[in-house]
N, C-alpha and C. Protein backbone atom coordinates (compact mmCIF):
# COMPACT_ATOMS: atom_id res chain seq x y z
N MET A 1 -23.24 -17.92 -8.07
CA MET A 1 -22.43 -16.77 -8.28
C MET A 1 -21.21 -17.28 -8.51
N LEU A 2 -20.68 -17.98 -8.39
CA LEU A 2 -19.08 -19.18 -8.80
C LEU A 2 -19.74 -19.07 -9.92
N VAL A 3 -20.74 -19.63 -10.87
CA VAL A 3 -20.76 -20.12 -12.46
C VAL A 3 -20.63 -18.97 -13.00
N ALA A 4 -21.49 -17.79 -12.26
CA ALA A 4 -21.82 -16.39 -13.39
C ALA A 4 -19.79 -16.22 -13.50
N PHE A 5 -18.86 -15.86 -12.25
CA PHE A 5 -17.75 -15.35 -12.36
C PHE A 5 -16.93 -16.30 -13.33
N ILE A 6 -17.02 -17.55 -13.01
CA ILE A 6 -16.55 -18.56 -14.06
C ILE A 6 -16.60 -18.29 -15.57
N VAL A 7 -17.84 -17.99 -16.14
CA VAL A 7 -18.22 -17.43 -17.14
C VAL A 7 -17.68 -16.40 -17.75
N PHE A 8 -17.60 -15.43 -16.64
CA PHE A 8 -17.28 -14.13 -16.86
C PHE A 8 -16.05 -14.32 -17.56
N ILE A 9 -15.16 -15.18 -16.58
CA ILE A 9 -13.72 -15.12 -16.93
C ILE A 9 -13.51 -15.81 -18.65
N LEU A 10 -14.16 -17.20 -18.44
CA LEU A 10 -14.04 -17.51 -19.72
C LEU A 10 -14.35 -16.89 -20.72
N GLN A 11 -15.56 -15.92 -20.92
CA GLN A 11 -15.70 -15.09 -21.98
C GLN A 11 -14.91 -13.91 -22.19
N ASN A 12 -14.24 -13.40 -21.42
CA ASN A 12 -12.86 -12.23 -21.45
C ASN A 12 -11.69 -12.84 -21.50
N THR A 13 -11.35 -13.91 -22.29
CA THR A 13 -9.97 -14.30 -22.23
C THR A 13 -9.02 -13.10 -23.47
N ARG A 14 -9.66 -12.59 -24.23
CA ARG A 14 -8.83 -12.09 -24.94
C ARG A 14 -8.11 -10.45 -24.29
N ASP A 15 -6.58 -10.44 -25.09
CA ASP A 15 -6.09 -9.17 -24.33
C ASP A 15 -6.62 -7.97 -24.37
N ALA A 16 -6.23 -7.10 -23.68
CA ALA A 16 -6.79 -5.47 -24.10
C ALA A 16 -5.33 -4.95 -23.55
N GLN A 17 -5.10 -3.75 -24.56
CA GLN A 17 -4.19 -2.94 -24.00
C GLN A 17 -4.64 -1.84 -22.72
N VAL A 18 -3.61 -1.73 -21.93
CA VAL A 18 -3.92 -0.90 -20.57
C VAL A 18 -2.82 -0.03 -20.64
N SER A 19 -3.42 1.50 -20.56
CA SER A 19 -2.34 2.68 -20.28
C SER A 19 -3.05 3.28 -18.84
N PHE A 20 -2.08 3.42 -17.91
CA PHE A 20 -2.51 4.40 -16.98
C PHE A 20 -1.26 4.94 -16.30
N PHE A 21 -1.40 6.43 -16.56
CA PHE A 21 -0.40 7.32 -16.14
C PHE A 21 0.76 6.94 -17.31
N TRP A 22 2.29 6.40 -16.52
CA TRP A 22 3.10 5.63 -16.92
C TRP A 22 3.11 4.48 -17.48
N LEU A 23 2.30 3.88 -16.81
CA LEU A 23 2.13 2.25 -16.79
C LEU A 23 1.44 1.81 -18.39
N HIS A 24 2.27 1.07 -19.04
CA HIS A 24 1.67 0.58 -20.35
C HIS A 24 1.65 -0.98 -20.56
N GLY A 25 0.67 -1.57 -20.80
CA GLY A 25 1.05 -3.08 -20.93
C GLY A 25 -0.44 -3.87 -21.49
N THR A 26 -0.21 -5.09 -21.61
CA THR A 26 -1.49 -5.78 -21.98
C THR A 26 -1.84 -6.81 -20.84
N LEU A 27 -3.03 -7.24 -20.79
CA LEU A 27 -3.52 -8.30 -19.68
C LEU A 27 -5.09 -8.82 -20.53
N PRO A 28 -5.37 -9.86 -19.51
CA PRO A 28 -6.62 -10.19 -20.19
C PRO A 28 -7.64 -9.46 -19.74
N LEU A 29 -8.58 -9.24 -20.73
CA LEU A 29 -10.00 -8.19 -20.21
C LEU A 29 -10.55 -8.46 -18.75
N ALA A 30 -10.73 -9.66 -18.65
CA ALA A 30 -11.35 -10.03 -17.42
C ALA A 30 -10.59 -9.55 -16.14
N VAL A 31 -9.42 -9.78 -16.28
CA VAL A 31 -8.47 -9.17 -15.43
C VAL A 31 -8.28 -7.92 -15.10
N GLY A 32 -8.50 -7.40 -16.07
CA GLY A 32 -8.32 -5.57 -16.25
C GLY A 32 -9.66 -5.00 -15.49
N LEU A 33 -10.65 -6.04 -15.94
CA LEU A 33 -12.08 -5.52 -15.36
C LEU A 33 -12.46 -5.71 -14.02
N LEU A 34 -11.85 -6.50 -13.38
CA LEU A 34 -11.80 -7.32 -12.18
C LEU A 34 -10.90 -6.44 -11.41
N ILE A 35 -9.76 -5.85 -11.86
CA ILE A 35 -9.20 -4.88 -11.18
C ILE A 35 -9.66 -3.59 -11.11
N ALA A 36 -10.15 -2.97 -12.26
CA ALA A 36 -10.62 -1.77 -12.02
C ALA A 36 -12.43 -1.95 -11.07
N MET A 37 -13.08 -2.97 -11.00
CA MET A 37 -13.98 -3.37 -9.84
C MET A 37 -13.40 -3.24 -8.43
N ALA A 38 -12.16 -3.86 -8.16
CA ALA A 38 -11.61 -3.83 -6.94
C ALA A 38 -11.47 -2.10 -6.59
N ALA A 39 -10.69 -1.73 -7.99
CA ALA A 39 -10.31 -0.65 -7.32
C ALA A 39 -11.53 0.39 -6.90
N GLY A 40 -12.67 0.24 -7.74
CA GLY A 40 -13.76 1.12 -7.46
C GLY A 40 -14.33 1.02 -6.18
N MET A 41 -14.41 -0.39 -5.83
CA MET A 41 -14.89 -0.92 -4.35
C MET A 41 -14.01 0.17 -3.26
N THR A 42 -12.88 -0.01 -3.23
CA THR A 42 -11.74 0.27 -2.68
C THR A 42 -12.18 1.94 -2.25
N VAL A 43 -12.12 2.69 -3.26
CA VAL A 43 -12.32 3.71 -3.30
C VAL A 43 -13.69 4.35 -2.74
N THR A 44 -14.60 3.46 -2.93
CA THR A 44 -16.23 3.77 -2.48
C THR A 44 -15.69 3.38 -1.17
N LEU A 45 -15.27 2.44 -0.59
CA LEU A 45 -15.42 1.93 0.77
C LEU A 45 -14.62 3.21 1.66
N MET A 46 -13.32 3.78 0.99
CA MET A 46 -12.60 4.79 1.67
C MET A 46 -13.74 6.05 2.18
N ILE A 47 -14.11 6.20 0.63
CA ILE A 47 -14.84 7.90 0.99
C ILE A 47 -16.31 7.47 1.91
N GLY A 48 -16.97 6.14 1.62
CA GLY A 48 -17.94 5.84 2.89
C GLY A 48 -17.85 6.02 4.15
N THR A 49 -16.80 5.19 4.21
CA THR A 49 -15.95 5.23 5.91
C THR A 49 -15.61 6.80 6.31
N ALA A 50 -14.92 7.55 5.55
CA ALA A 50 -14.90 8.78 6.06
C ALA A 50 -15.93 9.34 6.24
N ARG A 51 -16.90 9.55 5.11
CA ARG A 51 -18.18 10.11 5.48
C ARG A 51 -19.10 9.80 6.60
N ILE A 52 -19.00 8.71 6.82
CA ILE A 52 -19.61 7.73 8.11
C ILE A 52 -18.87 8.64 9.52
N SER A 53 -18.14 8.63 9.55
CA SER A 53 -16.70 8.99 10.47
C SER A 53 -17.29 10.63 10.75
N GLN A 54 -17.39 11.19 9.85
CA GLN A 54 -17.66 12.61 10.04
C GLN A 54 -19.02 12.88 10.45
N LEU A 55 -20.11 12.00 9.87
CA LEU A 55 -21.18 11.87 10.25
C LEU A 55 -21.33 11.81 12.25
N HIS A 56 -20.52 10.57 12.44
CA HIS A 56 -20.73 10.33 13.91
C HIS A 56 -19.87 11.19 14.80
N ARG A 57 -18.74 11.57 13.95
CA ARG A 57 -18.14 13.21 15.02
C ARG A 57 -19.14 14.10 15.06
N LEU A 58 -20.18 14.65 14.22
CA LEU A 58 -21.09 15.71 14.16
C LEU A 58 -22.28 15.18 15.14
N ALA A 59 -22.52 14.14 15.02
CA ALA A 59 -23.74 13.94 15.93
C ALA A 59 -23.15 13.37 17.37
N ARG A 60 -22.11 13.21 17.70
CA ARG A 60 -21.85 13.60 18.91
C ARG A 60 -21.71 14.84 19.51
N ARG A 61 -21.13 16.02 18.56
CA ARG A 61 -21.11 16.91 19.08
C ARG A 61 -22.25 17.83 19.48
N HIS A 62 -23.41 17.43 18.60
CA HIS A 62 -24.70 17.72 18.63
C HIS A 62 -25.32 17.14 19.93
N ARG A 63 -25.04 16.11 20.46
CA ARG A 63 -25.42 15.49 21.51
C ARG A 63 -25.21 16.29 22.62
N ASP A 64 -23.69 16.38 22.97
CA ASP A 64 -23.23 16.73 23.85
C ASP A 64 -23.35 18.46 23.97
C-alpha cells in the first residue's frame, strides 16, 4: 500500500489550478486529490455517524 501511495504522488506532481468559493491557487495534483479524498471521507463519516445514531435512538424507542 505504501509503494502504491508513493507511486501515486510521484506520478502526479504537476501543478493544478484550484478554485473553491473565494479561494484560488495552485498546488500539486496529488495534494489536491488527497485533500478531496480526505474531505469526502470526513463528510461520509459524519453522515454515517449521524444516521447510525438516529437508528440507535429509533431502536431504543421501539424496544421500550
